Amino acid sequence: MENQQEEGANKRKLSLFDGIMLVMGSMIGSGIFIVSADIMRNLGSGYWLIVVWLITGVMTVAAAISYGELSSMFPKAGGQYTYLKEIFGKMMGFLYGWGLFAVIQTGTIAAVAVAFGKFTAYLIPALNDAAPIFQSGGYKITWIQILAIGVIIILTYINTKGVEGGKILQNIFTGSKIIAIIGLIILGFLLVKNNLWNSNMSFGWDAFKNLATDSSGSFLKSGWESISGMAIMGGIAAAMVGSVFSSVAWENVTFVSGEMENPKKNVVRSMVFGTSAVMILYLLVNFIYLNTLGRDAIAFAANDRVAVAASEQIFGSGIGTIIIAILVMVSTFGCVNGIVLAGARVFQTMAKDGMFFKAAIQNNKNGVPEKSLWMQGIWASVLCLSGQYGNLLDMISFVIVLFYMITVFGVIYLRIKKPSLERPYKTWLYPITPIIYLIIGGAFCALLLIYKQQYTWPGLIIVLLGVPIYLVINRKKGVISE
C-alpha cells in the first residue's frame, strides 16, 4: 500500500478545484433538463416534484459524506472498487467492477453521448431527418448514434494524451455549464411573464386524491379510496428513478484518488462540496420549471424536454430552443469527459489485482491507462449501437443505489470490526448520516422491487453474471477463496 502511495505521489496532478469540477461535471449531464417531466407525470404536483428532488439531495450528500471516511482510509486509485474489496473481499469488489464495466460506467457514457447527439439535432435538423444508416426490423443505426460514438472516441483519445488535457477540458466545460445554468436560473426569475409558482404548489397532498396505481405501479386517474400509502410510496420511488440517475457519478472522483493532491482530504471535500452545489442547482432549476410552466406543460413537455419548454417561455420559442440545445451539448460533452477520465482508473486497478484484462495495467508514456481507456470507449460505443442505452439506464439506478448502500454500510461495519484503523476524516454526524442513507436507499430499492420490477431484476442479473466469471478467474489463478 505504501509503495502504491509513493508511486502515485509523483503523478498527482488533480487539485481540490479539479476534484470539485470532476464531481459536478460527472453529475450534470442531460437528466436535470428532462426527468422532471416523468416525475410530474408520476406524482401530479409541484409540491411532490420538489419533495422528490429534496429526498434525492439528502440521499446524495449523505452518501458523499459517508464515502469521505473510506476515501481518507484508502486514498488509492480505484475508489469504490477498492473500498468494497478491502472491506468485504475480492468477490464484492469484482462484482462492482464488473457491473461498472458491463453497464454502469459504459452505459452512462453511451446514454449521455446519445443525449449530446439528440440535442445537437436541434441545431442541425438534418441529423433527425436523415434516413437510418442501417435498419433491420425494429433495429436501426442512426447518424445521432454515430455522432455519439464520435464524441466517445474523441474524448477517449484526448484522455490518452495525459491527465492534464482531460482535466483542462473538464474544468472548461463544467465551468461553462455551471455559469450557463446559473444564468438560466437568474433570468428565469427575472424575465418570466406569468408566474405559475403558487398554482403549481397549491396541490400538495391533495394531488394524490386523483392518483391510483395499476398492477405495474403506473399511476392512473381514479378515486382516493383505491390508493394506499404503499402505492403512494411506490409512486415516489418510481418517480425517483430519474432524479437518482441524474444525481449519480459523483463517486467518479474516488476513482482518480491516485492522481489527487492530498487525497486523504481533497477527495472527501470534492465529493461533499460538489454534490451539495449540484443538488442546490437542481432544486433551483426545478423552481424555474414551476415558475414558468403549468403542471401539464411540465408533465407532457415534448420529448420530456422540460428545459426547452421553460426556456421558450423565458426567451421566446426560437432562441429558447437554441439556448437549451447549446447548454445541454456543453453539459453532456463535459459529463462524458469526466466519466471517461475516471472510469478507466478502476479497470486498471482491477487488472493489477488480476480481475481484468492484463493489457489494462500499463500506463502509456503520458502516464495514463491508455488501453483501459480504449476498452471502456469501445464497449460504450457498442452500447450506443445496441440501441438499448435507455433501457440500461432504467435498470441501473437500482444497482447503483444498491452498491452505494453496501459501501455506506461498510463505514459502519469497519467502525465495529476495526475501530483502531486510522481515520484521517470521520463521517460527520456518524452514525446518523450513513443510517439516513441506508433508510432512504433501502426504501427506494424495496419499493422498486415491489412496484417497478423492470427497473430492478435485469440490472441485478447483469451484476450476478459476474459471479461465475469471478470463479473462473480465480480458478485459473488457483485462488478460489480469499
Protein backbone atom coordinates (compact mmCIF):
# COMPACT_ATOMS: atom_id res chain seq x y z
CA MET A 1 0.00 0.00 0.00
CA GLU A 2 2.80 2.39 0.90
CA ASN A 3 4.58 1.66 -2.39
CA GLN A 4 1.40 2.43 -4.32
CA GLN A 5 1.01 5.73 -2.49
CA GLU A 6 4.63 6.69 -3.10
CA GLU A 7 4.31 5.75 -6.76
CA GLY A 8 1.12 7.81 -7.03
CA ALA A 9 2.67 10.80 -5.25
CA ASN A 10 4.80 11.52 -8.31
CA LYS A 11 1.82 11.86 -10.63
CA ARG A 12 -0.66 13.78 -8.50
CA LYS A 13 -1.93 16.42 -10.90
CA LEU A 14 -5.52 16.97 -9.73
CA SER A 15 -6.20 19.76 -7.23
CA LEU A 16 -9.23 20.24 -4.96
CA PHE A 17 -10.76 22.53 -7.60
CA ASP A 18 -10.20 19.87 -10.27
CA GLY A 19 -11.87 17.31 -7.99
CA ILE A 20 -14.95 19.51 -7.46
CA MET A 21 -15.18 20.16 -11.21
CA LEU A 22 -14.98 16.39 -11.84
CA VAL A 23 -17.77 15.71 -9.34
CA MET A 24 -20.05 18.44 -10.68
CA GLY A 25 -19.23 17.73 -14.32
CA SER A 26 -19.87 13.99 -13.96
CA MET A 27 -23.20 14.57 -12.21
CA ILE A 28 -24.68 17.22 -14.51
CA GLY A 29 -25.49 15.60 -17.84
CA SER A 30 -28.86 15.75 -19.55
CA GLY A 31 -31.07 14.40 -16.75
CA ILE A 32 -31.92 17.65 -14.98
CA PHE A 33 -33.23 19.04 -18.29
CA ILE A 34 -35.56 16.07 -18.87
CA VAL A 35 -36.54 13.88 -15.90
CA SER A 36 -38.79 16.36 -14.08
CA ALA A 37 -41.44 15.61 -16.74
CA ASP A 38 -41.60 11.96 -15.70
CA ILE A 39 -41.66 12.91 -12.00
CA MET A 40 -44.60 15.26 -12.59
CA ARG A 41 -46.46 12.59 -14.57
CA ASN A 42 -45.98 10.13 -11.71
CA LEU A 43 -46.94 12.46 -8.87
CA GLY A 44 -49.02 15.26 -10.40
CA SER A 45 -47.87 18.06 -8.10
CA GLY A 46 -45.16 20.71 -7.97
CA TYR A 47 -45.04 20.14 -4.24
CA TRP A 48 -44.10 16.49 -4.68
CA LEU A 49 -41.71 17.31 -7.53
CA ILE A 50 -39.69 19.37 -5.04
CA VAL A 51 -40.02 16.67 -2.35
CA VAL A 52 -38.54 14.06 -4.71
CA TRP A 53 -35.56 16.30 -5.51
CA LEU A 54 -35.08 17.10 -1.80
CA ILE A 55 -35.07 13.40 -0.87
CA THR A 56 -32.60 12.72 -3.68
CA GLY A 57 -30.42 15.60 -2.49
CA VAL A 58 -30.35 14.34 1.11
CA MET A 59 -29.50 10.83 -0.14
CA THR A 60 -26.71 12.05 -2.39
CA VAL A 61 -24.98 14.33 0.11
CA ALA A 62 -25.35 11.75 2.95
CA ALA A 63 -23.64 9.14 0.76
CA ALA A 64 -20.85 11.55 -0.20
CA ILE A 65 -20.22 12.44 3.46
CA SER A 66 -20.10 8.75 4.36
CA TYR A 67 -17.77 7.88 1.46
CA GLY A 68 -15.40 10.55 2.74
CA GLU A 69 -14.32 8.35 5.64
CA LEU A 70 -13.43 5.50 3.28
CA SER A 71 -11.65 7.81 0.84
CA SER A 72 -9.40 9.04 3.65
CA MET A 73 -8.65 5.46 4.77
CA PHE A 74 -7.95 4.07 1.27
CA PRO A 75 -6.57 7.02 -0.76
CA LYS A 76 -5.74 4.87 -3.78
CA ALA A 77 -6.85 4.71 -7.40
CA GLY A 78 -9.94 2.57 -7.86
CA GLY A 79 -12.12 4.32 -5.29
CA GLN A 80 -15.35 2.47 -4.61
CA TYR A 81 -13.96 -0.77 -6.09
CA THR A 82 -11.05 -0.56 -3.65
CA TYR A 83 -13.34 0.20 -0.68
CA LEU A 84 -15.58 -2.79 -1.37
CA LYS A 85 -12.64 -5.11 -1.95
CA GLU A 86 -10.84 -4.01 1.25
CA ILE A 87 -13.99 -4.23 3.40
CA PHE A 88 -15.94 -7.20 2.02
CA GLY A 89 -13.38 -9.14 -0.01
CA LYS A 90 -12.37 -9.65 -3.62
CA MET A 91 -15.67 -11.01 -4.89
CA MET A 92 -17.67 -7.95 -3.80
CA GLY A 93 -15.06 -5.67 -5.32
CA PHE A 94 -15.10 -7.65 -8.55
CA LEU A 95 -18.91 -7.65 -8.80
CA TYR A 96 -18.91 -3.87 -8.51
CA GLY A 97 -16.11 -3.52 -11.07
CA TRP A 98 -17.81 -5.97 -13.43
CA GLY A 99 -21.11 -4.08 -13.15
CA LEU A 100 -19.25 -0.82 -13.70
CA PHE A 101 -17.65 -2.05 -16.94
CA ALA A 102 -20.65 -4.02 -18.23
CA VAL A 103 -23.28 -1.34 -17.80
CA ILE A 104 -22.92 1.33 -15.07
CA GLN A 105 -19.97 3.38 -16.38
CA THR A 106 -20.13 2.43 -20.04
CA GLY A 107 -23.94 2.58 -20.21
CA THR A 108 -23.84 6.05 -18.70
CA ILE A 109 -21.19 7.15 -21.21
CA ALA A 110 -23.33 5.78 -24.07
CA ALA A 111 -26.59 7.35 -22.87
CA VAL A 112 -25.11 10.79 -22.19
CA ALA A 113 -23.26 10.76 -25.53
CA VAL A 114 -26.52 9.92 -27.33
CA ALA A 115 -28.21 12.77 -25.43
CA PHE A 116 -25.48 15.04 -26.85
CA GLY A 117 -26.40 13.79 -30.32
CA LYS A 118 -30.13 14.31 -29.83
CA PHE A 119 -29.73 17.91 -28.69
CA THR A 120 -27.24 18.57 -31.48
CA ALA A 121 -30.08 17.58 -33.82
CA TYR A 122 -31.98 20.63 -32.57
CA LEU A 123 -29.33 22.82 -34.17
CA ILE A 124 -28.76 20.53 -37.17
CA PRO A 125 -32.23 19.16 -38.12
CA ALA A 126 -30.67 17.11 -40.93
CA LEU A 127 -29.46 14.69 -38.22
CA ASN A 128 -33.07 13.93 -37.30
CA ASP A 129 -34.35 13.92 -40.87
CA ALA A 130 -31.63 11.69 -42.33
CA ALA A 131 -32.55 8.11 -43.17
CA PRO A 132 -31.01 5.45 -40.88
CA ILE A 133 -27.59 4.20 -41.97
CA PHE A 134 -28.80 0.66 -41.35
CA GLN A 135 -32.21 -0.78 -40.48
CA SER A 136 -33.42 -4.32 -39.94
CA GLY A 137 -36.86 -4.67 -38.43
CA GLY A 138 -37.03 -2.55 -35.27
CA TYR A 139 -33.23 -2.20 -35.05
CA LYS A 140 -31.54 0.75 -36.70
CA ILE A 141 -28.31 2.71 -36.63
CA THR A 142 -28.77 6.47 -36.96
CA TRP A 143 -26.44 9.40 -37.54
CA ILE A 144 -27.15 10.52 -33.96
CA GLN A 145 -25.66 7.24 -32.68
CA ILE A 146 -22.64 7.70 -34.95
CA LEU A 147 -22.18 11.24 -33.59
CA ALA A 148 -22.35 9.84 -30.04
CA ILE A 149 -19.66 7.29 -30.87
CA GLY A 150 -17.56 10.07 -32.39
CA VAL A 151 -17.78 12.04 -29.12
CA ILE A 152 -16.72 8.97 -27.11
CA ILE A 153 -13.75 8.30 -29.41
CA ILE A 154 -12.60 11.94 -29.40
CA LEU A 155 -12.79 12.24 -25.61
CA THR A 156 -11.11 8.87 -25.11
CA TYR A 157 -8.29 9.97 -27.42
CA ILE A 158 -7.87 13.31 -25.59
CA ASN A 159 -7.65 11.49 -22.26
CA THR A 160 -4.93 9.14 -23.60
CA LYS A 161 -2.72 12.21 -24.06
CA GLY A 162 -2.41 12.74 -20.31
CA VAL A 163 -4.50 13.69 -17.33
CA GLU A 164 -3.67 17.36 -17.89
CA GLY A 165 -5.65 17.57 -21.14
CA GLY A 166 -8.67 15.79 -19.68
CA LYS A 167 -8.54 17.99 -16.60
CA ILE A 168 -8.44 21.24 -18.58
CA LEU A 169 -11.31 20.09 -20.79
CA GLN A 170 -13.31 19.08 -17.73
CA ASN A 171 -12.79 22.42 -15.98
CA ILE A 172 -13.70 24.45 -19.08
CA PHE A 173 -16.89 22.54 -19.86
CA THR A 174 -18.02 22.16 -16.25
CA GLY A 175 -17.35 25.84 -15.53
CA SER A 176 -19.25 26.83 -18.68
CA LYS A 177 -22.33 24.78 -17.87
CA ILE A 178 -22.43 25.94 -14.23
CA ILE A 179 -22.32 29.58 -15.36
CA ALA A 180 -24.99 28.88 -18.01
CA ILE A 181 -27.28 27.10 -15.53
CA ILE A 182 -26.92 29.94 -13.00
CA GLY A 183 -27.71 32.41 -15.80
CA LEU A 184 -30.80 30.41 -16.76
CA ILE A 185 -31.95 30.39 -13.12
CA ILE A 186 -31.50 34.15 -12.67
CA LEU A 187 -33.15 35.04 -16.00
CA GLY A 188 -35.93 32.55 -15.30
CA PHE A 189 -36.94 34.55 -12.25
CA LEU A 190 -36.38 37.97 -13.85
CA LEU A 191 -37.89 37.55 -17.32
CA VAL A 192 -40.86 35.23 -16.85
CA LYS A 193 -44.16 36.96 -17.60
CA ASN A 194 -46.68 34.61 -15.96
CA ASN A 195 -45.60 33.33 -12.55
CA LEU A 196 -47.20 29.91 -12.06
CA TRP A 197 -45.45 29.01 -8.79
CA ASN A 198 -48.45 29.45 -6.50
CA SER A 199 -50.84 27.40 -8.65
CA ASN A 200 -48.24 24.62 -9.06
CA MET A 201 -47.53 24.45 -5.33
CA SER A 202 -51.15 24.62 -4.14
CA PHE A 203 -51.90 20.93 -4.63
CA GLY A 204 -49.65 19.21 -2.09
CA TRP A 205 -51.04 16.00 -0.64
CA ASP A 206 -54.41 16.54 -2.32
CA ALA A 207 -52.78 15.76 -5.69
CA PHE A 208 -52.76 12.12 -4.66
CA LYS A 209 -56.56 12.11 -4.45
CA ASN A 210 -56.57 11.82 -8.22
CA LEU A 211 -53.97 9.11 -8.43
CA ALA A 212 -54.09 5.34 -8.23
CA THR A 213 -51.89 2.55 -9.49
CA ASP A 214 -52.38 -0.24 -11.91
CA SER A 215 -50.74 -3.65 -11.44
CA SER A 216 -47.41 -2.42 -12.83
CA GLY A 217 -47.27 0.58 -10.49
CA SER A 218 -48.17 3.20 -13.13
CA PHE A 219 -50.49 5.91 -11.85
CA LEU A 220 -53.98 6.27 -13.33
CA LYS A 221 -56.86 8.67 -12.71
CA SER A 222 -59.16 7.12 -10.12
CA GLY A 223 -60.72 7.67 -6.71
CA TRP A 224 -58.95 8.28 -3.41
CA GLU A 225 -60.41 5.12 -1.91
CA SER A 226 -58.41 2.91 -4.32
CA ILE A 227 -54.95 4.20 -3.39
CA SER A 228 -52.88 3.05 -0.44
CA GLY A 229 -50.00 4.61 1.41
CA MET A 230 -47.67 1.95 -0.02
CA ALA A 231 -48.82 2.75 -3.54
CA ILE A 232 -48.03 6.42 -2.92
CA MET A 233 -44.57 5.43 -1.74
CA GLY A 234 -44.22 3.23 -4.81
CA GLY A 235 -45.07 6.22 -6.98
CA ILE A 236 -42.41 8.31 -5.26
CA ALA A 237 -39.83 5.54 -5.71
CA ALA A 238 -40.70 5.20 -9.41
CA ALA A 239 -40.51 8.97 -9.82
CA MET A 240 -37.11 8.96 -8.12
CA VAL A 241 -35.52 6.69 -10.74
CA GLY A 242 -34.85 9.73 -12.92
CA SER A 243 -33.75 12.07 -10.14
CA VAL A 244 -31.43 9.41 -8.68
CA PHE A 245 -29.84 8.73 -12.05
CA SER A 246 -29.37 12.47 -12.58
CA SER A 247 -27.54 12.64 -9.24
CA VAL A 248 -25.06 9.76 -9.53
CA ALA A 249 -21.47 9.55 -10.84
CA TRP A 250 -20.11 11.86 -8.10
CA GLU A 251 -18.10 8.86 -6.85
CA ASN A 252 -16.01 9.10 -10.04
CA VAL A 253 -13.65 11.37 -8.13
CA THR A 254 -12.76 8.43 -5.86
CA PHE A 255 -11.59 6.51 -8.94
CA VAL A 256 -8.79 9.04 -9.50
CA SER A 257 -7.63 9.22 -5.87
CA GLY A 258 -4.18 8.10 -7.03
CA GLU A 259 -3.86 11.30 -9.06
CA MET A 260 -5.32 13.72 -6.49
CA GLU A 261 -3.18 16.09 -4.44
CA ASN A 262 -3.60 15.32 -0.72
CA PRO A 263 -6.24 12.63 -1.42
CA LYS A 264 -6.97 11.97 2.28
CA LYS A 265 -8.61 15.40 2.49
CA ASN A 266 -9.33 16.56 -1.04
CA VAL A 267 -11.39 13.58 -2.22
CA VAL A 268 -13.96 14.00 0.56
CA ARG A 269 -14.00 17.78 0.13
CA SER A 270 -14.59 17.34 -3.61
CA MET A 271 -17.49 14.96 -3.01
CA VAL A 272 -19.22 17.00 -0.30
CA PHE A 273 -18.76 20.43 -1.92
CA GLY A 274 -19.54 19.12 -5.41
CA THR A 275 -22.68 17.13 -4.54
CA SER A 276 -24.07 19.91 -2.34
CA ALA A 277 -23.57 22.52 -5.07
CA VAL A 278 -25.17 20.33 -7.75
CA MET A 279 -28.23 19.48 -5.65
CA ILE A 280 -28.78 23.19 -4.89
CA LEU A 281 -28.57 23.95 -8.63
CA TYR A 282 -31.01 21.11 -9.37
CA LEU A 283 -33.54 22.48 -6.89
CA LEU A 284 -33.24 25.99 -8.32
CA VAL A 285 -33.69 24.70 -11.89
CA ASN A 286 -36.88 22.94 -10.78
CA PHE A 287 -38.05 26.19 -9.17
CA ILE A 288 -37.67 27.75 -12.65
CA TYR A 289 -39.79 25.00 -14.21
CA LEU A 290 -42.50 25.54 -11.60
CA ASN A 291 -42.25 29.30 -12.00
CA THR A 292 -42.62 29.30 -15.79
CA LEU A 293 -44.73 26.23 -16.69
CA GLY A 294 -48.03 24.74 -15.58
CA ARG A 295 -48.30 21.16 -14.34
CA ASP A 296 -49.40 19.75 -17.70
CA ALA A 297 -46.71 21.71 -19.55
CA ILE A 298 -44.08 20.10 -17.31
CA ALA A 299 -45.58 16.59 -17.33
CA PHE A 300 -46.21 16.48 -21.08
CA ALA A 301 -43.35 18.58 -22.44
CA ALA A 302 -42.42 17.45 -25.96
CA ASN A 303 -39.99 14.53 -25.69
CA ASP A 304 -39.82 15.27 -21.92
CA ARG A 305 -37.62 18.31 -22.66
CA VAL A 306 -38.89 20.47 -19.82
CA ALA A 307 -35.90 22.81 -20.02
CA VAL A 308 -36.70 23.59 -23.65
CA ALA A 309 -40.34 24.40 -22.78
CA ALA A 310 -39.24 26.63 -19.87
CA SER A 311 -36.60 28.38 -21.96
CA GLU A 312 -39.13 29.11 -24.70
CA GLN A 313 -41.32 30.82 -22.10
CA ILE A 314 -38.36 32.89 -20.88
CA PHE A 315 -36.62 33.79 -24.15
CA GLY A 316 -39.18 33.03 -26.88
CA SER A 317 -39.65 29.90 -28.96
CA GLY A 318 -36.74 30.29 -31.38
CA ILE A 319 -33.92 31.49 -29.19
CA GLY A 320 -35.05 29.48 -26.15
CA THR A 321 -34.68 26.19 -28.01
CA ILE A 322 -31.22 27.13 -29.28
CA ILE A 323 -30.02 28.24 -25.80
CA ILE A 324 -31.04 24.96 -24.17
CA ALA A 325 -29.69 22.86 -27.04
CA ILE A 326 -26.26 24.52 -26.67
CA LEU A 327 -26.40 24.26 -22.86
CA VAL A 328 -27.19 20.52 -22.98
CA MET A 329 -24.50 19.92 -25.61
CA VAL A 330 -21.92 21.61 -23.37
CA SER A 331 -23.28 19.78 -20.33
CA THR A 332 -23.30 16.30 -21.86
CA PHE A 333 -19.90 16.73 -23.55
CA GLY A 334 -18.32 17.66 -20.22
CA CYS A 335 -20.18 14.86 -18.44
CA VAL A 336 -18.91 12.21 -20.87
CA ASN A 337 -15.36 13.54 -20.48
CA GLY A 338 -15.46 13.25 -16.68
CA ILE A 339 -16.84 9.72 -16.75
CA VAL A 340 -14.34 8.62 -19.42
CA LEU A 341 -11.42 10.12 -17.47
CA ALA A 342 -12.34 8.44 -14.17
CA GLY A 343 -13.68 5.02 -15.12
CA ALA A 344 -10.54 3.72 -16.80
CA ARG A 345 -8.65 4.03 -13.48
CA VAL A 346 -10.94 1.45 -11.88
CA PHE A 347 -10.39 -1.10 -14.63
CA GLN A 348 -6.63 -0.53 -14.41
CA THR A 349 -6.73 -1.16 -10.64
CA MET A 350 -8.81 -4.32 -11.21
CA ALA A 351 -6.25 -5.52 -13.76
CA LYS A 352 -3.46 -5.06 -11.19
CA ASP A 353 -5.48 -7.31 -8.87
CA GLY A 354 -5.80 -9.95 -11.62
CA MET A 355 -9.51 -9.15 -12.06
CA PHE A 356 -9.45 -7.58 -15.53
CA PHE A 357 -7.53 -7.86 -18.82
CA LYS A 358 -3.78 -7.66 -18.18
CA ALA A 359 -3.37 -5.16 -21.01
CA ALA A 360 -5.20 -2.57 -18.87
CA ILE A 361 -2.37 -2.48 -16.30
CA GLN A 362 0.22 -0.43 -18.12
CA ASN A 363 0.28 3.36 -18.34
CA ASN A 364 1.40 4.88 -21.63
CA LYS A 365 4.23 7.42 -21.98
CA ASN A 366 1.78 10.14 -20.85
CA GLY A 367 1.20 8.38 -17.53
CA VAL A 368 -2.41 7.30 -18.20
CA PRO A 369 -4.01 3.84 -18.70
CA GLU A 370 -4.45 4.10 -22.47
CA LYS A 371 -5.57 0.52 -23.13
CA SER A 372 -8.04 0.67 -20.26
CA LEU A 373 -9.44 3.89 -21.72
CA TRP A 374 -9.90 2.31 -25.15
CA MET A 375 -11.53 -0.85 -23.74
CA GLN A 376 -14.03 1.34 -21.92
CA GLY A 377 -14.58 3.52 -25.01
CA ILE A 378 -15.08 0.59 -27.40
CA TRP A 379 -17.66 -1.12 -25.15
CA ALA A 380 -19.51 2.17 -24.59
CA SER A 381 -19.61 2.58 -28.39
CA VAL A 382 -21.05 -0.92 -28.78
CA LEU A 383 -23.76 0.01 -26.26
CA CYS A 384 -24.51 3.11 -28.38
CA LEU A 385 -25.04 0.86 -31.40
CA SER A 386 -27.15 -1.60 -29.41
CA GLY A 387 -29.94 0.95 -29.11
CA GLN A 388 -30.54 -0.31 -25.57
CA TYR A 389 -28.88 2.53 -23.65
CA GLY A 390 -32.25 3.91 -22.50
CA ASN A 391 -33.30 0.53 -21.10
CA LEU A 392 -29.92 0.12 -19.47
CA LEU A 393 -30.30 3.41 -17.62
CA ASP A 394 -33.73 2.45 -16.32
CA MET A 395 -32.36 -0.65 -14.66
CA ILE A 396 -29.02 0.58 -13.34
CA SER A 397 -30.34 3.21 -10.90
CA PHE A 398 -31.37 0.31 -8.65
CA VAL A 399 -27.96 -1.37 -8.95
CA ILE A 400 -26.08 1.88 -8.38
CA VAL A 401 -28.04 2.62 -5.19
CA LEU A 402 -27.55 -0.99 -4.04
CA PHE A 403 -23.77 -0.64 -4.33
CA TYR A 404 -23.93 2.78 -2.67
CA MET A 405 -25.77 1.16 0.25
CA ILE A 406 -23.25 -1.67 0.57
CA THR A 407 -20.40 0.86 0.56
CA VAL A 408 -22.08 3.16 3.10
CA PHE A 409 -22.79 0.13 5.30
CA GLY A 410 -19.06 -0.57 5.02
CA VAL A 411 -18.40 2.60 7.04
CA ILE A 412 -20.45 1.22 9.95
CA TYR A 413 -19.02 -2.29 9.51
CA LEU A 414 -15.42 -1.05 9.72
CA ARG A 415 -16.20 1.10 12.79
CA ILE A 416 -17.42 -2.05 14.56
CA LYS A 417 -14.89 -4.59 13.23
CA LYS A 418 -11.75 -2.41 13.06
CA PRO A 419 -12.23 0.59 15.36
CA SER A 420 -8.47 1.13 15.70
CA LEU A 421 -7.85 1.82 11.98
CA GLU A 422 -6.58 5.31 11.22
CA ARG A 423 -9.39 7.58 10.01
CA PRO A 424 -7.99 10.95 8.83
CA TYR A 425 -11.59 12.03 8.21
CA LYS A 426 -14.58 10.76 10.17
CA THR A 427 -18.12 10.80 8.83
CA TRP A 428 -19.97 13.90 10.01
CA LEU A 429 -22.80 13.10 12.46
CA TYR A 430 -21.90 9.39 12.48
CA PRO A 431 -23.89 7.09 12.71
CA ILE A 432 -26.87 9.29 11.79
CA THR A 433 -25.60 10.23 8.31
CA PRO A 434 -24.96 6.68 7.00
CA ILE A 435 -28.18 5.43 8.62
CA ILE A 436 -30.18 8.17 6.85
CA TYR A 437 -28.78 6.99 3.54
CA LEU A 438 -29.41 3.32 4.30
CA ILE A 439 -33.03 4.01 5.28
CA ILE A 440 -33.85 6.11 2.19
CA GLY A 441 -31.84 3.87 -0.16
CA GLY A 442 -33.36 0.73 1.33
CA ALA A 443 -36.89 2.09 0.94
CA PHE A 444 -36.14 3.15 -2.67
CA CYS A 445 -34.81 -0.31 -3.62
CA ALA A 446 -37.56 -2.23 -1.78
CA LEU A 447 -40.34 -0.18 -3.37
CA LEU A 448 -38.85 -0.61 -6.83
CA LEU A 449 -38.71 -4.37 -6.26
CA ILE A 450 -42.43 -4.29 -5.43
CA TYR A 451 -43.75 -1.75 -7.93
CA LYS A 452 -41.22 -1.40 -10.76
CA GLN A 453 -39.55 -4.76 -11.16
CA GLN A 454 -38.50 -3.98 -14.73
CA TYR A 455 -36.09 -1.44 -13.18
CA THR A 456 -34.53 -3.98 -10.81
CA TRP A 457 -34.06 -7.60 -11.90
CA PRO A 458 -32.33 -7.02 -15.27
CA GLY A 459 -29.59 -4.88 -13.67
CA LEU A 460 -29.24 -7.29 -10.77
CA ILE A 461 -28.91 -10.24 -13.16
CA ILE A 462 -26.16 -8.46 -15.11
CA VAL A 463 -24.21 -7.92 -11.87
CA LEU A 464 -24.76 -11.52 -10.68
CA LEU A 465 -23.44 -12.82 -14.00
CA GLY A 466 -20.13 -11.62 -12.60
CA VAL A 467 -20.15 -14.46 -10.01
CA PRO A 468 -19.27 -17.29 -12.43
CA ILE A 469 -16.80 -15.01 -14.20
CA TYR A 470 -15.13 -14.30 -10.85
CA LEU A 471 -14.96 -18.03 -10.04
CA VAL A 472 -13.40 -18.80 -13.43
CA ILE A 473 -10.80 -16.05 -12.99
CA ASN A 474 -9.88 -17.27 -9.50
CA ARG A 475 -9.79 -20.92 -10.54
CA LYS A 476 -7.22 -20.04 -13.19
CA LYS A 477 -5.20 -18.25 -10.54
CA GLY A 478 -5.72 -21.11 -8.11
CA VAL A 479 -7.19 -18.74 -5.54
CA ILE A 480 -10.89 -19.50 -5.24
CA SER A 481 -11.15 -18.34 -1.64
CA GLU A 482 -9.78 -15.21 -0.06
